[in-house]
Amino acid sequence: MAKSGMEKGKGKVKETVGKVTGNRRMEAEGQADQAKGAAREAAEKTRGKAAEARDSLKRRPS
């Protein structure tokens, strides 16, 4: 989750700088970076839940 957090943080900074300077392109890039970070975070959570489910099935007695 470190990469997703970094991506979201970088995006927030870009978006803020873009707003302050009036640079709409940078603002849009920041929003896109934040969305990529959120998507990466969701994928990581899904992989984690799948691994938990797989492990719980392995531990069940036959």
Protein backbone atom coordinates (compact mmCIF):
# COMPACT_ATOMS: atom_id res chain seq x y z
CA MET A 1 0.00 0.00 0.00
CA ALA A 2 3.02 2.27 0.11
CA LYS A 3 2.98 2.80 -3.65
CA SER A 4 -0.72 3.63 -3.70
CA GLY A 5 -0.28 6.13 -0.87
CA MET A 6 2.67 7.77 -2.62
CA GLU A 7 0.70 7.98 -5.85
CA LYS A 8 -2.26 9.57 -4.11
CA GLY A 9 -0.04 12.02 -2.23
CA LYS A 10 1.84 13.01 -5.36
CA GLY A 11 -1.47 13.54 -7.11
CA LYS A 12 -2.79 15.74 -4.34
CA VAL A 13 0.31 17.92 -4.48
CA LYS A 14 0.09 18.22 -8.27
CA GLU A 15 -3.60 19.06 -8.09
CA THR A 16 -3.01 21.75 -5.45
CA VAL A 17 -0.09 23.30 -7.34
CA GLY A 18 -2.17 23.26 -10.50
CA LYS A 19 -5.05 25.06 -8.75
CA VAL A 20 -2.77 27.67 -7.20
CA THR A 21 -0.93 28.41 -10.45
CA GLY A 22 -4.02 28.16 -12.64
CA ASN A 23 -2.48 25.28 -14.59
CA ARG A 24 -5.47 23.11 -15.48
CA ARG A 25 -3.34 20.44 -17.10
CA MET A 26 -1.29 19.91 -13.92
CA GLU A 27 -4.48 19.90 -11.88
CA ALA A 28 -5.96 17.20 -14.14
CA GLU A 29 -2.74 15.16 -13.96
CA GLY A 30 -2.93 15.33 -10.18
CA GLN A 31 -6.49 14.09 -10.20
CA ALA A 32 -5.49 11.26 -12.53
CA ASP A 33 -2.59 10.30 -10.25
CA GLN A 34 -4.95 10.20 -7.28
CA ALA A 35 -7.36 7.97 -9.21
CA LYS A 36 -4.50 5.62 -10.15
CA GLY A 37 -3.45 5.45 -6.53
CA ALA A 38 -7.00 4.68 -5.40
CA ALA A 39 -7.33 1.96 -8.05
CA ARG A 40 -3.99 0.44 -7.02
CA GLU A 41 -5.10 0.47 -3.38
CA ALA A 42 -8.39 -1.26 -4.24
CA ALA A 43 -6.54 -3.93 -6.23
CA GLU A 44 -4.14 -4.53 -3.34
CA LYS A 45 -7.03 -4.89 -0.90
CA THR A 46 -8.77 -7.33 -3.23
CA ARG A 47 -5.61 -9.43 -3.56
CA GLY A 48 -5.27 -9.44 0.21
CA LYS A 49 -8.84 -10.59 0.74
CA ALA A 50 -8.41 -13.33 -1.87
CA ALA A 51 -5.26 -14.54 -0.14
CA GLU A 52 -7.08 -14.59 3.22
CA ALA A 53 -9.93 -16.62 1.72
CA ARG A 54 -7.49 -19.06 0.10
CA ASP A 55 -5.58 -19.50 3.35
CA SER A 56 -8.75 -20.09 5.36
CA LEU A 57 -9.76 -22.83 2.90
CA LYS A 58 -6.36 -24.47 3.25
CA ARG A 59 -6.74 -24.62 7.02
CA ARG A 60 -10.12 -26.36 6.93
CA PRO A 61 -10.02 -30.04 7.89
CA SER A 62 -11.06 -32.36 5.07
